[in-house]
Amino acid sequence: MSFFWDGLAIFAYFTLVIGVGLSSVRRRGQNMREFSVGSRQLPWGAVLASIIAAELSAGTFLGTPGEGYHGRNFAYAQLAIGTVIARVIVAYLFIRPFYDGNVVSIYEFLRHRFGDATRDAASAVFLLTRLLASGARLYVAAVILVLGYEMIHGAAATNAETITIYAGAVLLITILTTAYTAAGGIRAVVWTDVIQATVMGGALLYALISLWFSVGGWAGAKGFLNGPDDLRFYQDGIDHSKGVLDNISGILGSEYTIWAALLGSVFTTMATHGTDQDMVQRMLTAKNFHKSRLALVLSGLVDLPFSFAFLFVGILIYVFYQQHPDPALPTKNPEIFSYYILHQLPPGARGLLVAGVLATAMGSLSTALNALATSFTQDFWVPRWGRGADSRRVVSAVRWSTVVFALLLAIVATVTAAVVVYSPHARIIPIVLGIFGYTYGSLLGIFLLGLTTKDRGTERGNLIAMLAGFLAVAVWSGLPWDLVNAVRGKSDDIGSDIIWFAQHGLLQFSEGYVHAPAWLVQIEFPWRIMFGTLTTYAVAWCFRRSSAGDA
């Protein structure tokens, strides 16, 4: 009977979301402008909630408390500082040109500024990156369902059972989300995002209050949080016993430092919030660029308390399990919060938190679907196959595109889940999950060039620059060596090719894997987009656009 109230809470959530999503279907929606940007008539408060819902994926909802649990500090939240700075830059540099250009797909701006080739390349990068990144993260929401299955049956799920649960959850979430996204377009996305943001916020608040009283408040927690780094708010990554170059290398190889927040995170957020159709499209639904700016900047300010709250949940979970040891507690980041929800919260409240997890997955999926379908239709279908098509036919194309991309995302999610289950240490997973770090620097570099210069950049030069940006990040982040490991796996069998590369200083070999050479500075994910952006911008700037066109 205890699970009845959980099921009721989840059913009520799904019913509300689907009902609101389908109610967004309107007769006036039979044109691309209405379907993709809601005729730019949505209130800024709804846009604000939609931005927040899009940012909080299931990985964030479940994974960030895991960061707090393992680190027992707030260093991860440093990155949120850079996101606020970046949003101000995006708000006052990017948003107005998009409104002035009356674009539906933001890559149309690049066509107006440079030409079709640059538009096509940028849109293609977005489509591939968003498909892999969103698909790879989609399965994470099912982690809590796998743990719930194990709790009910009292035994660990087999690999086959785990894959079945993952695949079933992905299929259910994808079908339901696709139904209202394809029918209602961006209006359905934004208004369901409002519900999802509310559910996520309520679930997070309940978790905080519940944990606070469970551990006995500050008096009960402080005895377990007395380590040198516990409750620390920032770290600079500087070792005063080392030289300047060694410290720079160390900072670039660290994930959570104040330097990553003030530099790396700024470029990352500029890319995700200024050059990613997924995020920018909802900003373009506001009535004018002033309202869009307001929603964007405020979303950054709201992100700060959200980040601290998620981390504090993880810290309190650490304290709770110090007070009440549980040998069955998992160690993987996404599983820690899930385990606490399932085993410690009462019926009904447990269902609310599960609904919160599903809300994050549906919110991220709906935005990805709408953005992928919009970009493909506007940037590729209309110029090639839909010239002269009436508005009804164009909307039909974008709806069918939504369905096709839903299928592709579900396939990517299921394959990723299978790899995680059967090969949990496979090195291809970090590549897929962090793929936007390799490609979005190229996007941001070209957008910045178009926004800050008048005669720099050519079609040919832009393509060369985007490739250069990708290659620079790939090398500095160790991608070539990771790909070799993904193909050969862990093996102590050193072939003649490995020996040759090692002798010539092009790789190292240890613990069965190849690694980047010692002389090459390696950068962590907060720095990838910054390096890619600067490289792309610098190369593209070298090509001057003449009055006659490309040189």
Protein backbone atom coordinates (compact mmCIF):
# COMPACT_ATOMS: atom_id res chain seq x y z
CA MET A 1 0.00 0.00 0.00
CA SER A 2 2.93 2.32 0.67
CA PHE A 3 3.75 2.49 -3.04
CA PHE A 4 0.16 3.47 -3.88
CA TRP A 5 0.78 7.08 -2.83
CA ASP A 6 4.06 7.18 -4.76
CA GLY A 7 2.31 5.93 -7.87
CA LEU A 8 -0.51 8.41 -7.38
CA ALA A 9 1.94 11.34 -7.13
CA ILE A 10 3.76 10.26 -10.28
CA PHE A 11 0.50 9.64 -12.17
CA ALA A 12 -0.82 13.05 -11.14
CA TYR A 13 2.37 14.68 -12.38
CA PHE A 14 2.23 12.96 -15.76
CA THR A 15 -1.45 13.79 -16.16
CA LEU A 16 -0.86 17.46 -15.40
CA VAL A 17 2.11 17.79 -17.76
CA ILE A 18 0.46 15.98 -20.66
CA GLY A 19 -2.77 17.93 -20.15
CA VAL A 20 -1.03 21.30 -20.14
CA GLY A 21 1.17 20.30 -23.07
CA LEU A 22 -1.70 19.20 -25.27
CA SER A 23 -3.79 22.23 -24.30
CA SER A 24 -1.11 24.36 -25.95
CA VAL A 25 -2.21 23.13 -29.38
CA ARG A 26 -3.83 26.09 -31.14
CA ARG A 27 -5.18 26.68 -34.61
CA ARG A 28 -2.88 29.65 -35.02
CA GLY A 29 0.04 27.27 -34.58
CA GLN A 30 0.04 26.31 -38.26
CA ASN A 31 3.14 28.31 -39.11
CA MET A 32 6.83 27.99 -38.29
CA ARG A 33 7.04 31.22 -36.32
CA GLU A 34 4.26 30.13 -33.96
CA PHE A 35 5.51 26.56 -33.61
CA SER A 36 9.14 27.49 -32.92
CA VAL A 37 9.03 30.83 -31.08
CA GLY A 38 5.37 31.12 -30.03
CA SER A 39 4.91 34.23 -32.18
CA ARG A 40 7.16 35.91 -29.59
CA GLN A 41 4.24 36.40 -27.23
CA LEU A 42 5.17 34.42 -24.10
CA PRO A 43 5.55 36.22 -20.73
CA TRP A 44 9.09 36.64 -19.47
CA GLY A 45 8.31 34.82 -16.22
CA ALA A 46 7.42 31.67 -18.14
CA VAL A 47 10.60 32.06 -20.21
CA LEU A 48 12.61 32.34 -16.99
CA ALA A 49 11.09 29.12 -15.60
CA SER A 50 11.68 27.37 -18.92
CA ILE A 51 15.38 28.32 -18.95
CA ILE A 52 15.79 26.94 -15.42
CA ALA A 53 13.97 23.71 -16.29
CA ALA A 54 16.13 23.22 -19.38
CA GLU A 55 19.34 23.68 -17.39
CA LEU A 56 18.44 21.20 -14.64
CA SER A 57 18.80 17.83 -16.32
CA ALA A 58 18.38 14.53 -14.50
CA GLY A 59 22.16 14.43 -14.33
CA THR A 60 22.14 17.72 -12.42
CA PHE A 61 19.24 16.74 -10.16
CA LEU A 62 20.84 13.44 -9.15
CA GLY A 63 24.52 14.07 -9.84
CA THR A 64 25.11 17.41 -8.10
CA PRO A 65 24.11 16.07 -4.65
CA GLY A 66 26.68 13.33 -5.34
CA GLU A 67 29.32 16.05 -5.80
CA GLY A 68 28.31 17.51 -2.46
CA TYR A 69 28.38 14.09 -0.80
CA HIS A 70 31.90 13.24 -1.96
CA GLY A 71 33.42 16.72 -1.63
CA ARG A 72 31.45 17.92 1.43
CA ASN A 73 31.93 21.48 0.21
CA PHE A 74 30.50 24.03 -2.21
CA ALA A 75 33.49 24.30 -4.57
CA TYR A 76 31.43 22.95 -7.48
CA ALA A 77 29.10 25.97 -7.14
CA GLN A 78 31.98 28.30 -8.05
CA LEU A 79 31.17 27.62 -11.68
CA ALA A 80 27.79 29.31 -11.21
CA ILE A 81 29.61 32.64 -10.76
CA GLY A 82 30.84 32.47 -14.32
CA THR A 83 27.39 31.59 -15.60
CA VAL A 84 26.00 34.87 -14.24
CA ILE A 85 28.76 36.91 -15.89
CA ALA A 86 28.24 35.04 -19.17
CA ARG A 87 24.48 35.58 -19.16
CA VAL A 88 24.98 39.34 -18.92
CA ILE A 89 27.33 39.18 -21.91
CA VAL A 90 24.89 37.03 -23.90
CA ALA A 91 21.97 39.26 -22.94
CA TYR A 92 23.62 42.42 -24.25
CA LEU A 93 25.68 41.05 -27.14
CA PHE A 94 23.66 38.18 -28.64
CA ILE A 95 19.94 38.62 -27.97
CA ARG A 96 19.19 41.87 -29.80
CA PRO A 97 20.85 40.81 -33.11
CA PHE A 98 18.73 37.65 -33.04
CA TYR A 99 15.58 39.72 -32.57
CA ASP A 100 16.64 42.28 -35.16
CA GLY A 101 17.28 39.48 -37.64
CA ASN A 102 13.86 37.97 -36.83
CA VAL A 103 15.46 34.52 -36.82
CA VAL A 104 13.73 31.26 -35.93
CA SER A 105 16.90 29.19 -36.01
CA ILE A 106 19.78 31.20 -34.56
CA TYR A 107 22.08 29.81 -37.26
CA GLU A 108 20.19 31.98 -39.71
CA PHE A 109 22.16 34.85 -38.19
CA LEU A 110 25.34 33.26 -39.51
CA ARG A 111 23.82 32.96 -42.98
CA HIS A 112 22.96 36.67 -42.96
CA ARG A 113 26.45 37.56 -41.74
CA PHE A 114 28.62 35.08 -43.68
CA GLY A 115 26.66 32.78 -45.98
CA ASP A 116 25.05 29.37 -46.36
CA ALA A 117 28.16 27.28 -45.75
CA THR A 118 28.83 28.78 -42.32
CA ARG A 119 25.15 28.41 -41.38
CA ASP A 120 25.08 24.79 -42.49
CA ALA A 121 28.30 23.90 -40.68
CA ALA A 122 27.19 25.52 -37.42
CA SER A 123 23.74 23.96 -37.55
CA ALA A 124 25.21 20.52 -38.34
CA VAL A 125 27.57 20.80 -35.36
CA PHE A 126 24.62 21.67 -33.13
CA LEU A 127 22.44 18.82 -34.44
CA LEU A 128 25.11 16.16 -33.93
CA THR A 129 26.31 17.49 -30.58
CA ARG A 130 22.84 17.96 -29.11
CA LEU A 131 21.70 14.54 -30.34
CA LEU A 132 24.60 12.73 -28.67
CA ALA A 133 24.74 14.86 -25.52
CA SER A 134 20.98 14.88 -24.80
CA GLY A 135 20.57 11.23 -25.77
CA ALA A 136 23.46 10.11 -23.58
CA ARG A 137 21.98 11.90 -20.56
CA LEU A 138 18.41 10.76 -21.09
CA TYR A 139 18.93 7.39 -19.42
CA VAL A 140 20.13 8.95 -16.14
CA ALA A 141 16.56 9.58 -14.94
CA ALA A 142 15.98 5.81 -14.93
CA VAL A 143 18.72 5.27 -12.32
CA ILE A 144 16.19 5.87 -9.56
CA LEU A 145 13.80 3.34 -11.15
CA VAL A 146 16.52 0.68 -11.21
CA LEU A 147 17.23 1.27 -7.51
CA GLY A 148 13.49 1.18 -6.79
CA TYR A 149 13.21 -2.16 -8.56
CA GLU A 150 16.07 -3.52 -6.45
CA MET A 151 14.46 -2.20 -3.27
CA ILE A 152 11.13 -3.90 -4.04
CA HIS A 153 12.73 -7.22 -4.99
CA GLY A 154 15.36 -7.15 -2.27
CA ALA A 155 18.16 -8.07 -4.66
CA ALA A 156 20.40 -6.41 -7.20
CA ALA A 157 18.98 -6.30 -10.70
CA THR A 158 20.72 -8.37 -13.34
CA ASN A 159 22.26 -6.65 -16.33
CA ALA A 160 19.35 -7.76 -18.52
CA GLU A 161 16.79 -6.47 -16.01
CA THR A 162 18.64 -3.15 -15.68
CA ILE A 163 18.73 -2.66 -19.44
CA THR A 164 15.03 -3.50 -19.65
CA ILE A 165 14.19 -0.88 -17.01
CA TYR A 166 16.37 1.73 -18.69
CA ALA A 167 14.89 1.03 -22.12
CA GLY A 168 11.31 1.01 -20.79
CA ALA A 169 11.76 4.30 -18.92
CA VAL A 170 13.43 5.95 -21.91
CA LEU A 171 10.64 4.77 -24.20
CA LEU A 172 7.87 5.98 -21.85
CA ILE A 173 9.43 9.39 -21.25
CA THR A 174 10.19 9.84 -24.94
CA ILE A 175 6.68 8.92 -26.12
CA LEU A 176 4.93 11.18 -23.61
CA THR A 177 7.27 14.11 -24.18
CA THR A 178 7.15 13.78 -27.96
CA ALA A 179 3.34 13.77 -27.92
CA TYR A 180 2.97 17.25 -26.46
CA THR A 181 6.14 18.67 -28.03
CA ALA A 182 5.16 17.71 -31.58
CA ALA A 183 1.57 18.83 -31.05
CA GLY A 184 2.06 22.12 -29.20
CA GLY A 185 5.53 23.27 -30.27
CA ILE A 186 7.43 25.76 -28.15
CA ARG A 187 4.33 26.86 -26.24
CA ALA A 188 3.88 23.32 -24.95
CA VAL A 189 7.59 23.16 -24.10
CA VAL A 190 7.61 26.43 -22.15
CA TRP A 191 4.38 25.91 -20.21
CA THR A 192 5.24 22.33 -19.26
CA ASP A 193 8.68 23.61 -18.26
CA VAL A 194 6.92 25.96 -15.81
CA ILE A 195 5.28 22.95 -14.17
CA GLN A 196 8.51 20.96 -14.23
CA ALA A 197 10.50 23.82 -12.68
CA THR A 198 7.88 24.11 -9.93
CA VAL A 199 7.99 20.36 -9.22
CA MET A 200 11.79 20.35 -9.20
CA GLY A 201 11.91 23.32 -6.85
CA GLY A 202 9.34 21.77 -4.51
CA ALA A 203 11.14 18.42 -4.50
CA LEU A 204 14.47 20.08 -3.75
CA LEU A 205 13.01 22.18 -0.94
CA TYR A 206 11.36 19.13 0.63
CA ALA A 207 14.62 17.17 0.45
CA LEU A 208 16.51 19.98 2.17
CA ILE A 209 13.99 20.39 4.98
CA SER A 210 13.65 16.64 5.49
CA LEU A 211 17.41 16.11 5.67
CA TRP A 212 17.97 19.11 7.94
CA PHE A 213 15.63 17.76 10.58
CA SER A 214 16.79 14.17 10.06
CA VAL A 215 20.41 15.01 10.94
CA GLY A 216 19.42 17.23 13.88
CA GLY A 217 20.09 20.58 12.24
CA TRP A 218 23.43 22.32 12.52
CA ALA A 219 24.10 20.88 15.96
CA GLY A 220 23.90 17.36 14.56
CA ALA A 221 25.84 18.08 11.37
CA LYS A 222 28.85 20.10 12.52
CA GLY A 223 30.54 17.17 14.26
CA PHE A 224 30.89 15.36 10.95
CA LEU A 225 32.02 18.37 8.90
CA ASN A 226 35.35 19.32 10.43
CA GLY A 227 37.76 18.34 7.64
CA PRO A 228 40.12 20.96 6.15
CA ASP A 229 38.03 21.31 2.99
CA ASP A 230 34.58 20.71 4.47
CA LEU A 231 32.01 23.45 3.71
CA ARG A 232 34.63 25.34 1.71
CA PHE A 233 33.12 27.76 -0.80
CA TYR A 234 35.98 28.12 -3.23
CA GLN A 235 39.43 26.85 -4.13
CA ASP A 236 42.06 28.64 -6.19
CA GLY A 237 44.10 25.58 -7.18
CA ILE A 238 47.37 27.40 -6.47
CA ASP A 239 50.28 25.52 -4.89
CA HIS A 240 52.72 28.16 -3.59
CA SER A 241 55.54 25.64 -3.50
CA LYS A 242 55.44 25.36 -7.32
CA GLY A 243 56.40 27.73 -10.10
CA VAL A 244 54.07 29.81 -12.26
CA LEU A 245 54.01 27.40 -15.21
CA ASP A 246 53.35 24.40 -12.97
CA ASN A 247 50.49 26.25 -11.29
CA ILE A 248 48.96 27.23 -14.65
CA SER A 249 49.16 23.62 -15.76
CA GLY A 250 47.57 22.51 -12.50
CA ILE A 251 44.73 25.02 -12.79
CA LEU A 252 43.97 24.01 -16.38
CA GLY A 253 43.93 20.38 -15.24
CA SER A 254 41.53 21.07 -12.37
CA GLU A 255 37.74 21.11 -12.64
CA TYR A 256 36.55 23.34 -9.81
CA THR A 257 38.69 26.40 -9.14
CA ILE A 258 37.86 30.08 -8.93
CA TRP A 259 39.79 30.55 -12.19
CA ALA A 260 37.58 28.04 -13.95
CA ALA A 261 34.58 29.97 -12.62
CA LEU A 262 35.81 33.39 -13.76
CA LEU A 263 37.15 32.29 -17.15
CA GLY A 264 36.29 28.78 -18.26
CA SER A 265 32.71 28.80 -17.02
CA VAL A 266 32.08 32.18 -18.68
CA PHE A 267 32.96 30.81 -22.11
CA THR A 268 31.03 27.59 -21.48
CA THR A 269 27.84 29.46 -20.58
CA MET A 270 28.26 31.91 -23.45
CA ALA A 271 28.30 28.90 -25.75
CA THR A 272 25.37 27.04 -24.20
CA HIS A 273 23.21 30.15 -23.78
CA GLY A 274 24.26 32.09 -26.86
CA THR A 275 24.97 29.56 -29.63
CA ASP A 276 22.86 26.52 -28.72
CA GLN A 277 19.43 26.52 -30.36
CA ASP A 278 18.17 24.36 -27.49
CA MET A 279 18.58 27.18 -24.97
CA VAL A 280 18.30 30.32 -27.12
CA GLN A 281 15.03 29.30 -28.74
CA ARG A 282 13.06 29.75 -25.53
CA MET A 283 14.63 33.19 -25.06
CA LEU A 284 13.28 34.20 -28.47
CA THR A 285 9.69 33.52 -27.33
CA ALA A 286 9.65 36.64 -25.15
CA LYS A 287 7.81 39.69 -26.48
CA ASN A 288 10.97 41.71 -27.11
CA PHE A 289 14.69 41.57 -26.45
CA HIS A 290 14.30 43.59 -23.23
CA LYS A 291 12.06 40.90 -21.70
CA SER A 292 14.35 38.19 -23.03
CA ARG A 293 17.36 39.84 -21.39
CA LEU A 294 15.50 40.09 -18.09
CA ALA A 295 14.59 36.38 -18.10
CA LEU A 296 18.12 35.33 -19.02
CA VAL A 297 19.95 37.41 -16.40
CA LEU A 298 17.50 36.49 -13.63
CA SER A 299 17.88 32.80 -14.49
CA GLY A 300 21.57 33.13 -13.63
CA LEU A 301 20.78 34.68 -10.26
CA VAL A 302 18.31 31.87 -9.55
CA ASP A 303 20.93 29.29 -10.52
CA LEU A 304 23.18 30.33 -7.62
CA PRO A 305 20.85 29.23 -4.78
CA PHE A 306 19.86 26.14 -6.79
CA SER A 307 23.51 25.09 -7.08
CA PHE A 308 24.17 25.61 -3.38
CA ALA A 309 20.94 23.79 -2.46
CA PHE A 310 21.78 20.70 -4.51
CA LEU A 311 25.28 20.56 -3.02
CA PHE A 312 23.93 21.08 0.50
CA VAL A 313 21.56 18.16 -0.03
CA GLY A 314 24.59 15.99 -0.80
CA ILE A 315 26.48 17.27 2.24
CA LEU A 316 23.51 16.52 4.50
CA ILE A 317 23.17 13.04 2.98
CA TYR A 318 26.81 12.45 3.93
CA VAL A 319 26.05 13.49 7.50
CA PHE A 320 22.91 11.35 7.60
CA TYR A 321 24.76 8.20 6.60
CA GLN A 322 27.53 8.97 9.06
CA GLN A 323 24.86 8.99 11.74
CA HIS A 324 23.03 5.97 10.27
CA PRO A 325 25.63 3.82 8.45
CA ASP A 326 24.28 1.73 5.60
CA PRO A 327 26.67 -0.75 3.95
CA ALA A 328 24.39 -0.97 0.90
CA LEU A 329 24.75 2.74 0.11
CA PRO A 330 26.02 3.05 -3.51
CA THR A 331 29.00 5.23 -4.36
CA LYS A 332 28.21 6.51 -7.86
CA ASN A 333 27.14 10.16 -7.93
CA PRO A 334 23.66 9.74 -9.49
CA GLU A 335 22.81 6.79 -7.21
CA ILE A 336 23.45 8.41 -3.82
CA PHE A 337 20.52 10.86 -3.84
CA SER A 338 18.33 8.24 -5.54
CA TYR A 339 19.09 5.73 -2.77
CA TYR A 340 18.23 8.25 -0.07
CA ILE A 341 14.94 9.16 -1.76
CA LEU A 342 13.83 5.54 -2.06
CA HIS A 343 14.93 4.31 1.36
CA GLN A 344 14.37 7.27 3.68
CA LEU A 345 11.44 9.35 2.45
CA PRO A 346 7.84 8.48 3.32
CA PRO A 347 5.30 7.35 0.70
CA GLY A 348 3.91 10.23 -1.32
CA ALA A 349 6.94 12.41 -0.66
CA ARG A 350 9.03 9.70 -2.26
CA GLY A 351 6.74 9.84 -5.28
CA LEU A 352 7.11 13.63 -5.40
CA LEU A 353 10.90 13.34 -5.57
CA VAL A 354 10.70 10.64 -8.24
CA ALA A 355 8.38 12.94 -10.18
CA GLY A 356 11.00 15.66 -9.78
CA VAL A 357 13.60 13.41 -11.38
CA LEU A 358 11.25 12.59 -14.26
CA ALA A 359 10.46 16.29 -14.60
CA THR A 360 14.11 17.07 -15.23
CA ALA A 361 14.33 14.39 -17.92
CA MET A 362 11.13 15.51 -19.67
CA GLY A 363 12.07 19.19 -19.50
CA SER A 364 15.50 18.57 -21.05
CA LEU A 365 14.06 16.21 -23.66
CA SER A 366 11.26 18.51 -24.81
CA THR A 367 13.62 21.43 -25.34
CA ALA A 368 16.11 19.27 -27.21
CA LEU A 369 13.36 17.86 -29.46
CA ASN A 370 11.93 21.26 -30.33
CA ALA A 371 15.35 22.78 -30.99
CA LEU A 372 16.61 19.87 -33.09
CA ALA A 373 13.45 19.81 -35.20
CA THR A 374 13.45 23.59 -35.66
CA SER A 375 17.10 23.80 -36.71
CA PHE A 376 16.88 20.85 -39.09
CA THR A 377 13.68 22.12 -40.72
CA GLN A 378 14.70 25.78 -41.01
CA ASP A 379 18.36 25.25 -41.90
CA PHE A 380 18.23 22.13 -44.07
CA TRP A 381 14.70 21.03 -45.05
CA VAL A 382 13.32 24.40 -46.17
CA PRO A 383 16.36 25.46 -48.30
CA ARG A 384 16.71 22.04 -49.97
CA TRP A 385 13.30 20.36 -50.13
CA GLY A 386 10.76 22.91 -48.96
CA ARG A 387 11.29 25.90 -51.22
CA GLY A 388 7.91 27.44 -51.89
CA ALA A 389 6.18 25.18 -49.34
CA ASP A 390 3.19 26.73 -47.57
CA SER A 391 3.18 27.17 -43.80
CA ARG A 392 1.08 24.07 -43.15
CA ARG A 393 3.56 21.85 -45.00
CA VAL A 394 6.51 23.40 -43.15
CA VAL A 395 4.85 22.78 -39.76
CA SER A 396 4.12 19.21 -40.82
CA ALA A 397 7.82 18.79 -41.64
CA VAL A 398 8.94 20.15 -38.27
CA ARG A 399 6.50 17.86 -36.44
CA TRP A 400 7.72 14.78 -38.30
CA SER A 401 11.27 15.91 -37.59
CA THR A 402 10.37 15.99 -33.91
CA VAL A 403 9.27 12.35 -34.07
CA VAL A 404 12.40 11.25 -35.94
CA PHE A 405 14.72 13.01 -33.51
CA ALA A 406 12.79 11.47 -30.60
CA LEU A 407 13.53 8.04 -32.03
CA LEU A 408 17.21 8.89 -32.49
CA LEU A 409 17.51 10.27 -28.95
CA ALA A 410 15.89 7.13 -27.53
CA ILE A 411 18.35 4.95 -29.45
CA VAL A 412 21.35 6.94 -28.21
CA ALA A 413 20.03 6.78 -24.63
CA THR A 414 19.47 3.02 -24.74
CA VAL A 415 22.88 2.32 -26.30
CA THR A 416 24.56 4.55 -23.69
CA ALA A 417 22.72 2.72 -20.89
CA ALA A 418 23.80 -0.65 -22.31
CA VAL A 419 27.44 0.47 -22.46
CA VAL A 420 27.27 1.78 -18.89
CA VAL A 421 25.75 -1.48 -17.61
CA TYR A 422 27.92 -3.96 -19.50
CA SER A 423 31.13 -1.89 -19.61
CA PRO A 424 30.92 0.51 -16.65
CA HIS A 425 34.55 1.59 -17.09
CA ALA A 426 34.34 2.13 -20.84
CA ARG A 427 36.23 5.30 -21.69
CA ILE A 428 33.85 6.22 -24.51
CA ILE A 429 31.21 7.43 -22.00
CA PRO A 430 33.11 10.58 -20.88
CA ILE A 431 33.62 11.42 -24.56
CA VAL A 432 29.90 11.20 -25.33
CA LEU A 433 28.77 12.99 -22.17
CA GLY A 434 31.28 15.80 -22.67
CA ILE A 435 30.98 16.09 -26.43
CA PHE A 436 29.74 19.69 -26.37
CA GLY A 437 33.08 20.70 -24.86
CA TYR A 438 34.84 19.61 -28.02
CA THR A 439 32.52 21.34 -30.50
CA TYR A 440 30.86 24.38 -28.93
CA GLY A 441 34.05 26.43 -28.85
CA SER A 442 33.95 26.38 -32.66
CA LEU A 443 30.35 27.62 -32.60
CA LEU A 444 31.03 30.38 -30.08
CA GLY A 445 34.16 31.56 -31.92
CA ILE A 446 32.26 32.06 -35.18
CA PHE A 447 29.29 33.75 -33.49
CA LEU A 448 31.61 36.14 -31.62
CA LEU A 449 33.42 36.94 -34.86
CA GLY A 450 30.11 37.77 -36.53
CA LEU A 451 28.93 39.89 -33.62
CA THR A 452 32.13 41.83 -32.96
CA THR A 453 33.52 42.44 -36.46
CA LYS A 454 32.17 43.71 -39.77
CA ASP A 455 34.62 42.49 -42.40
CA ARG A 456 36.40 39.56 -40.76
CA GLY A 457 35.58 35.97 -41.61
CA THR A 458 34.85 34.25 -44.90
CA GLU A 459 32.99 31.07 -45.76
CA ARG A 460 36.22 29.16 -46.39
CA GLY A 461 38.03 30.74 -43.46
CA ASN A 462 35.21 30.00 -41.04
CA LEU A 463 35.20 26.31 -41.91
CA ILE A 464 38.98 26.13 -41.46
CA ALA A 465 38.69 27.99 -38.14
CA MET A 466 35.95 25.72 -36.80
CA LEU A 467 38.02 22.66 -37.64
CA ALA A 468 41.08 24.23 -36.01
CA GLY A 469 39.09 24.96 -32.85
CA PHE A 470 37.89 21.38 -32.63
CA LEU A 471 41.36 19.94 -33.21
CA ALA A 472 42.94 22.23 -30.62
CA VAL A 473 40.48 21.14 -27.93
CA ALA A 474 40.76 17.50 -28.98
CA VAL A 475 44.53 17.50 -28.53
CA TRP A 476 44.63 19.56 -25.33
CA SER A 477 41.93 17.41 -23.71
CA GLY A 478 43.49 14.09 -24.73
CA LEU A 479 40.74 12.99 -27.12
CA PRO A 480 43.04 11.11 -29.58
CA TRP A 481 44.38 8.93 -26.76
CA ASP A 482 40.88 8.40 -25.32
CA LEU A 483 39.66 7.21 -28.71
CA VAL A 484 42.56 4.75 -28.93
CA ASN A 485 41.61 3.41 -25.52
CA ALA A 486 37.96 3.17 -26.55
CA VAL A 487 38.96 0.98 -29.49
CA ARG A 488 41.61 -1.22 -27.86
CA GLY A 489 40.17 -1.27 -24.32
CA LYS A 490 42.31 -1.97 -21.28
CA SER A 491 45.19 -4.17 -22.31
CA ASP A 492 48.76 -4.76 -21.15
CA ASP A 493 49.68 -6.02 -24.60
CA ILE A 494 51.92 -3.28 -25.98
CA GLY A 495 52.17 -3.48 -29.75
CA SER A 496 54.99 -2.15 -31.88
CA ASP A 497 52.88 0.90 -32.82
CA ILE A 498 52.41 1.85 -29.16
CA ILE A 499 56.13 1.43 -28.55
CA TRP A 500 56.99 3.64 -31.55
CA PHE A 501 54.67 6.46 -30.44
CA ALA A 502 55.96 6.22 -26.86
CA GLN A 503 59.60 6.37 -28.02
CA HIS A 504 58.86 9.52 -30.01
CA GLY A 505 57.17 11.24 -27.06
CA LEU A 506 53.64 11.09 -28.49
CA LEU A 507 52.06 9.05 -25.70
CA GLN A 508 52.60 7.36 -22.37
CA PHE A 509 51.48 3.88 -21.36
CA SER A 510 50.39 2.81 -17.88
CA GLU A 511 47.79 0.60 -16.19
CA GLY A 512 46.72 -0.89 -19.51
CA TYR A 513 45.84 2.43 -21.16
CA VAL A 514 47.63 4.96 -23.34
CA HIS A 515 47.85 8.57 -22.14
CA ALA A 516 48.83 11.95 -23.54
CA PRO A 517 52.58 12.69 -23.39
CA ALA A 518 53.88 14.36 -20.24
CA TRP A 519 54.95 17.50 -22.09
CA LEU A 520 51.41 18.27 -23.30
CA VAL A 521 49.30 20.38 -20.93
CA GLN A 522 45.94 18.69 -20.40
CA ILE A 523 42.80 20.77 -19.86
CA GLU A 524 39.71 19.74 -17.94
CA PHE A 525 36.16 20.26 -19.20
CA PRO A 526 35.59 23.83 -17.84
CA TRP A 527 38.43 25.06 -20.07
CA ARG A 528 37.63 23.24 -23.33
CA ILE A 529 35.19 25.72 -24.81
CA MET A 530 37.41 28.68 -23.93
CA PHE A 531 40.38 27.14 -25.78
CA GLY A 532 38.17 26.18 -28.73
CA THR A 533 36.64 29.64 -28.90
CA LEU A 534 39.91 31.53 -28.82
CA THR A 535 41.47 29.26 -31.43
CA THR A 536 38.47 29.50 -33.76
CA TYR A 537 38.18 33.27 -33.40
CA ALA A 538 41.90 33.84 -33.98
CA VAL A 539 42.03 31.69 -37.12
CA ALA A 540 38.78 33.08 -38.58
CA TRP A 541 39.90 36.66 -37.90
CA CYS A 542 42.85 36.15 -40.25
CA PHE A 543 40.43 35.91 -43.19
CA ARG A 544 39.14 39.30 -44.33
CA ARG A 545 35.86 39.48 -46.22
CA SER A 546 36.15 41.55 -49.39
CA SER A 547 33.31 43.45 -51.03
CA ALA A 548 33.31 40.87 -53.80
CA GLY A 549 32.76 38.01 -51.39
CA ASP A 550 35.04 35.26 -50.12
CA ALA A 551 38.71 35.45 -50.94
